Each structure stands twice: as C-alpha cells, then as structure tokens.
Amino acid sequence: FINGYGHDFQFWETSASITTLVLLGNLLEQRSVYQTNAAIRGLIAMQPEKANLISFDQTLGKETIISVPAKMLKPNKFYWSIAAIKFRLMVW
C-alpha cells in the first residue's frame, strides 16, 4: 500500500465488485426470463385448435371420427355418452 492509504481504497473496490456482480446477476436473470417466456409463447402457438374425437359403438361395432375444438376436451380422458358409446381423444 502506498503511504498507508491502501485501506481506504479497498472499501470502494469491494463495493464496486459486489455491485457489478449483482447487476450482472440481474442481467442474466432478465435474459433467462425473456427466453423462457418466448419458449412458452412458442409452445402455446403450436397448440392444436382441433381434435379428433373417436367414438366406438360396441353394439354396432362401428367407429366414427368427429372433429371438435381441442379446448373442449382433455387428453387421455375417456368420454361416455348416454348410448354407451365410448369416446377417446386423439390430438394430432
């Protein structure tokens, strides 16, 4: 230390280092949040609008496919009608 004054400047150097690291951390966090939000928006945009509802009549042994809005149905859930027709959702 030059002429005994080194200890006074060491405080400012430590403060500047901590401030720089905190600001760098904030920058990296904002960047990762932006990238995550962009990825989620991309996944939402890829969601299908229509789904195929496959119905099978066990008494007739016949299968029919109906196109319905995907928001109405949940994946891997079975839907039953009054006539005992089993519905299965298949999203393409």
N, C-alpha and C. Protein backbone atom coordinates (compact mmCIF):
# COMPACT_ATOMS: atom_id res chain seq x y z
N PHE A 1 0.84 -1.19 0.00
CA PHE A 1 0.00 0.00 0.00
C PHE A 1 0.88 1.24 0.00
N ILE A 2 0.46 2.21 -0.77
CA ILE A 2 1.28 3.40 -0.94
C ILE A 2 1.01 4.37 0.20
N ASN A 3 2.04 4.65 0.93
CA ASN A 3 2.00 5.62 2.03
C ASN A 3 0.87 5.36 3.02
N GLY A 4 0.43 4.12 3.20
CA GLY A 4 -0.58 3.80 4.20
C GLY A 4 -2.01 4.13 3.81
N TYR A 5 -2.29 4.49 2.55
CA TYR A 5 -3.65 4.86 2.13
C TYR A 5 -4.39 3.72 1.42
N GLY A 6 -3.80 2.58 1.31
CA GLY A 6 -4.40 1.47 0.58
C GLY A 6 -5.70 0.97 1.19
N HIS A 7 -5.82 1.02 2.48
CA HIS A 7 -7.01 0.52 3.15
C HIS A 7 -8.23 1.36 2.82
N ASP A 8 -8.08 2.62 2.56
CA ASP A 8 -9.23 3.49 2.23
C ASP A 8 -9.83 3.11 0.87
N PHE A 9 -9.00 2.75 -0.09
CA PHE A 9 -9.48 2.44 -1.43
C PHE A 9 -9.99 1.00 -1.55
N GLN A 10 -9.59 0.15 -0.63
CA GLN A 10 -10.01 -1.24 -0.66
C GLN A 10 -11.53 -1.35 -0.45
N PHE A 11 -12.12 -0.49 0.36
CA PHE A 11 -13.56 -0.48 0.58
C PHE A 11 -14.30 -0.20 -0.72
N TRP A 12 -13.85 0.79 -1.48
CA TRP A 12 -14.52 1.15 -2.74
C TRP A 12 -14.37 0.04 -3.78
N GLU A 13 -13.24 -0.62 -3.80
CA GLU A 13 -13.03 -1.71 -4.74
C GLU A 13 -13.98 -2.88 -4.44
N THR A 14 -14.15 -3.20 -3.16
CA THR A 14 -15.06 -4.28 -2.76
C THR A 14 -16.50 -3.91 -3.09
N SER A 15 -16.88 -2.68 -2.81
CA SER A 15 -18.24 -2.22 -3.10
C SER A 15 -18.52 -2.27 -4.59
N ALA A 16 -17.57 -1.85 -5.41
CA ALA A 16 -17.74 -1.87 -6.86
C ALA A 16 -17.85 -3.30 -7.37
N SER A 17 -17.08 -4.21 -6.81
CA SER A 17 -17.14 -5.61 -7.23
C SER A 17 -18.49 -6.23 -6.90
N ILE A 18 -19.00 -5.99 -5.72
CA ILE A 18 -20.30 -6.54 -5.31
C ILE A 18 -21.41 -5.95 -6.18
N THR A 19 -21.38 -4.65 -6.42
CA THR A 19 -22.40 -4.00 -7.26
C THR A 19 -22.36 -4.56 -8.67
N THR A 20 -21.16 -4.75 -9.22
CA THR A 20 -21.03 -5.30 -10.57
C THR A 20 -21.59 -6.71 -10.64
N LEU A 21 -21.31 -7.54 -9.65
CA LEU A 21 -21.82 -8.91 -9.64
C LEU A 21 -23.34 -8.95 -9.51
N VAL A 22 -23.90 -8.06 -8.69
CA VAL A 22 -25.36 -8.01 -8.54
C VAL A 22 -26.02 -7.57 -9.84
N LEU A 23 -25.48 -6.55 -10.50
CA LEU A 23 -26.04 -6.08 -11.77
C LEU A 23 -25.90 -7.15 -12.86
N LEU A 24 -24.79 -7.85 -12.89
CA LEU A 24 -24.60 -8.93 -13.85
C LEU A 24 -25.61 -10.06 -13.61
N GLY A 25 -25.85 -10.38 -12.35
CA GLY A 25 -26.84 -11.40 -12.00
C GLY A 25 -28.24 -10.99 -12.44
N ASN A 26 -28.59 -9.71 -12.24
CA ASN A 26 -29.89 -9.22 -12.68
C ASN A 26 -30.03 -9.30 -14.19
N LEU A 27 -28.97 -8.96 -14.92
CA LEU A 27 -28.98 -9.03 -16.37
C LEU A 27 -29.19 -10.47 -16.85
N LEU A 28 -28.47 -11.42 -16.26
CA LEU A 28 -28.62 -12.82 -16.64
C LEU A 28 -30.02 -13.34 -16.30
N GLU A 29 -30.57 -12.91 -15.18
CA GLU A 29 -31.91 -13.34 -14.79
C GLU A 29 -32.96 -12.80 -15.77
N GLN A 30 -32.87 -11.53 -16.15
CA GLN A 30 -33.81 -10.95 -17.10
C GLN A 30 -33.73 -11.66 -18.44
N ARG A 31 -32.53 -12.00 -18.86
CA ARG A 31 -32.34 -12.69 -20.14
C ARG A 31 -32.99 -14.08 -20.10
N SER A 32 -32.80 -14.79 -19.00
CA SER A 32 -33.37 -16.14 -18.90
C SER A 32 -34.90 -16.07 -18.81
N VAL A 33 -35.45 -15.08 -18.13
CA VAL A 33 -36.90 -14.93 -18.05
C VAL A 33 -37.47 -14.62 -19.43
N TYR A 34 -36.82 -13.77 -20.19
CA TYR A 34 -37.27 -13.44 -21.55
C TYR A 34 -37.25 -14.69 -22.43
N GLN A 35 -36.18 -15.47 -22.36
CA GLN A 35 -36.08 -16.67 -23.18
C GLN A 35 -37.13 -17.71 -22.78
N THR A 36 -37.40 -17.83 -21.49
CA THR A 36 -38.42 -18.76 -21.02
C THR A 36 -39.79 -18.34 -21.50
N ASN A 37 -40.11 -17.04 -21.40
CA ASN A 37 -41.40 -16.55 -21.87
C ASN A 37 -41.56 -16.75 -23.37
N ALA A 38 -40.49 -16.53 -24.13
CA ALA A 38 -40.54 -16.74 -25.58
C ALA A 38 -40.79 -18.21 -25.90
N ALA A 39 -40.16 -19.11 -25.17
CA ALA A 39 -40.36 -20.54 -25.39
C ALA A 39 -41.79 -20.95 -25.06
N ILE A 40 -42.34 -20.42 -23.99
CA ILE A 40 -43.72 -20.74 -23.61
C ILE A 40 -44.70 -20.21 -24.65
N ARG A 41 -44.47 -18.98 -25.14
CA ARG A 41 -45.32 -18.42 -26.19
C ARG A 41 -45.26 -19.29 -27.44
N GLY A 42 -44.08 -19.81 -27.77
CA GLY A 42 -43.94 -20.70 -28.92
C GLY A 42 -44.71 -22.00 -28.74
N LEU A 43 -44.66 -22.56 -27.54
CA LEU A 43 -45.41 -23.79 -27.28
C LEU A 43 -46.92 -23.56 -27.35
N ILE A 44 -47.36 -22.42 -26.83
CA ILE A 44 -48.79 -22.10 -26.89
C ILE A 44 -49.24 -21.93 -28.34
N ALA A 45 -48.39 -21.33 -29.16
CA ALA A 45 -48.74 -21.14 -30.57
C ALA A 45 -48.83 -22.47 -31.31
N MET A 46 -48.11 -23.49 -30.86
CA MET A 46 -48.13 -24.79 -31.52
C MET A 46 -49.30 -25.67 -31.10
N GLN A 47 -50.09 -25.21 -30.12
CA GLN A 47 -51.22 -26.00 -29.66
C GLN A 47 -52.22 -26.21 -30.78
N PRO A 48 -52.74 -27.42 -30.92
CA PRO A 48 -53.73 -27.66 -31.98
C PRO A 48 -55.07 -27.00 -31.63
N GLU A 49 -55.76 -26.56 -32.67
CA GLU A 49 -57.07 -25.93 -32.47
C GLU A 49 -58.19 -26.96 -32.54
N LYS A 50 -57.97 -28.01 -33.31
CA LYS A 50 -58.98 -29.05 -33.48
C LYS A 50 -58.45 -30.38 -32.95
N ALA A 51 -59.37 -31.22 -32.51
CA ALA A 51 -59.02 -32.56 -32.04
C ALA A 51 -59.97 -33.56 -32.69
N ASN A 52 -59.50 -34.77 -32.83
CA ASN A 52 -60.34 -35.84 -33.37
C ASN A 52 -60.94 -36.62 -32.21
N LEU A 53 -62.26 -36.65 -32.16
CA LEU A 53 -62.98 -37.40 -31.14
C LEU A 53 -63.40 -38.71 -31.79
N ILE A 54 -62.85 -39.82 -31.32
CA ILE A 54 -63.14 -41.13 -31.90
C ILE A 54 -64.21 -41.80 -31.05
N SER A 55 -65.33 -42.12 -31.67
CA SER A 55 -66.41 -42.79 -30.94
C SER A 55 -66.55 -44.21 -31.48
N PHE A 56 -66.77 -45.13 -30.58
CA PHE A 56 -66.92 -46.53 -30.95
C PHE A 56 -68.21 -47.05 -30.35
N ASP A 57 -69.11 -47.49 -31.22
CA ASP A 57 -70.37 -48.07 -30.78
C ASP A 57 -70.17 -49.58 -30.65
N GLN A 58 -70.20 -50.10 -29.45
CA GLN A 58 -69.92 -51.51 -29.22
C GLN A 58 -71.04 -52.40 -29.75
N THR A 59 -72.25 -51.89 -29.77
CA THR A 59 -73.35 -52.72 -30.25
C THR A 59 -73.27 -52.91 -31.76
N LEU A 60 -72.88 -51.88 -32.48
CA LEU A 60 -72.77 -51.98 -33.94
C LEU A 60 -71.37 -52.36 -34.40
N GLY A 61 -70.38 -52.19 -33.54
CA GLY A 61 -69.00 -52.46 -33.90
C GLY A 61 -68.47 -51.43 -34.90
N LYS A 62 -68.95 -50.22 -34.79
CA LYS A 62 -68.61 -49.17 -35.75
C LYS A 62 -67.87 -48.03 -35.04
N GLU A 63 -66.87 -47.50 -35.71
CA GLU A 63 -66.08 -46.40 -35.17
C GLU A 63 -66.28 -45.16 -36.06
N THR A 64 -66.49 -44.00 -35.42
CA THR A 64 -66.63 -42.75 -36.17
C THR A 64 -65.67 -41.72 -35.60
N ILE A 65 -65.21 -40.82 -36.45
CA ILE A 65 -64.29 -39.76 -36.04
C ILE A 65 -64.97 -38.43 -36.26
N ILE A 66 -65.00 -37.60 -35.19
CA ILE A 66 -65.63 -36.28 -35.24
C ILE A 66 -64.56 -35.24 -34.91
N SER A 67 -64.49 -34.17 -35.70
CA SER A 67 -63.55 -33.08 -35.42
C SER A 67 -64.23 -32.07 -34.50
N VAL A 68 -63.60 -31.81 -33.34
CA VAL A 68 -64.16 -30.89 -32.35
C VAL A 68 -63.07 -29.91 -31.90
N PRO A 69 -63.45 -28.76 -31.30
CA PRO A 69 -62.44 -27.85 -30.76
C PRO A 69 -61.64 -28.52 -29.64
N ALA A 70 -60.34 -28.40 -29.68
CA ALA A 70 -59.47 -29.07 -28.70
C ALA A 70 -59.67 -28.55 -27.28
N LYS A 71 -60.10 -27.31 -27.15
CA LYS A 71 -60.28 -26.73 -25.80
C LYS A 71 -61.41 -27.41 -25.03
N MET A 72 -62.32 -28.08 -25.74
CA MET A 72 -63.45 -28.73 -25.08
C MET A 72 -63.03 -30.01 -24.36
N LEU A 73 -61.95 -30.63 -24.81
CA LEU A 73 -61.59 -31.95 -24.31
C LEU A 73 -60.24 -31.94 -23.60
N LYS A 74 -60.01 -32.96 -22.80
CA LYS A 74 -58.73 -33.13 -22.11
C LYS A 74 -58.05 -34.38 -22.64
N PRO A 75 -56.72 -34.33 -22.86
CA PRO A 75 -56.01 -35.50 -23.38
C PRO A 75 -56.10 -36.71 -22.45
N ASN A 76 -56.15 -37.90 -23.04
CA ASN A 76 -56.17 -39.17 -22.33
C ASN A 76 -57.36 -39.34 -21.39
N LYS A 77 -58.42 -38.59 -21.62
CA LYS A 77 -59.63 -38.75 -20.83
C LYS A 77 -60.67 -39.43 -21.70
N PHE A 78 -61.39 -40.35 -21.12
CA PHE A 78 -62.43 -41.06 -21.85
C PHE A 78 -63.77 -40.41 -21.57
N TYR A 79 -64.58 -40.23 -22.61
CA TYR A 79 -65.89 -39.61 -22.50
C TYR A 79 -66.94 -40.66 -22.85
N TRP A 80 -67.99 -40.73 -22.04
CA TRP A 80 -69.05 -41.70 -22.25
C TRP A 80 -70.33 -40.97 -22.59
N SER A 81 -71.07 -41.49 -23.54
CA SER A 81 -72.35 -40.89 -23.88
C SER A 81 -73.47 -41.71 -23.24
N ILE A 82 -74.68 -41.25 -23.37
CA ILE A 82 -75.83 -41.95 -22.78
C ILE A 82 -76.05 -43.30 -23.46
N ALA A 83 -75.74 -43.39 -24.75
CA ALA A 83 -75.96 -44.63 -25.50
C ALA A 83 -74.80 -45.61 -25.33
N ALA A 84 -74.00 -45.44 -24.32
CA ALA A 84 -72.88 -46.32 -24.01
C ALA A 84 -71.87 -46.36 -25.15
N ILE A 85 -71.63 -45.20 -25.76
CA ILE A 85 -70.60 -45.08 -26.78
C ILE A 85 -69.37 -44.50 -26.12
N LYS A 86 -68.26 -45.14 -26.32
CA LYS A 86 -67.02 -44.72 -25.68
C LYS A 86 -66.29 -43.74 -26.59
N PHE A 87 -65.88 -42.59 -26.04
CA PHE A 87 -65.16 -41.57 -26.80
C PHE A 87 -63.73 -41.49 -26.29
N ARG A 88 -62.81 -41.38 -27.22
CA ARG A 88 -61.40 -41.24 -26.84
C ARG A 88 -60.82 -40.08 -27.63
N LEU A 89 -60.04 -39.23 -26.98
CA LEU A 89 -59.46 -38.05 -27.62
C LEU A 89 -58.11 -38.40 -28.21
N MET A 90 -57.91 -38.00 -29.45
CA MET A 90 -56.60 -38.13 -30.08
C MET A 90 -56.26 -36.77 -30.69
N VAL A 91 -55.24 -36.10 -30.15
CA VAL A 91 -54.81 -34.81 -30.66
C VAL A 91 -53.65 -35.03 -31.61
N TRP A 92 -53.73 -34.46 -32.79
CA TRP A 92 -52.68 -34.60 -33.79
C TRP A 92 -51.85 -33.38 -33.83
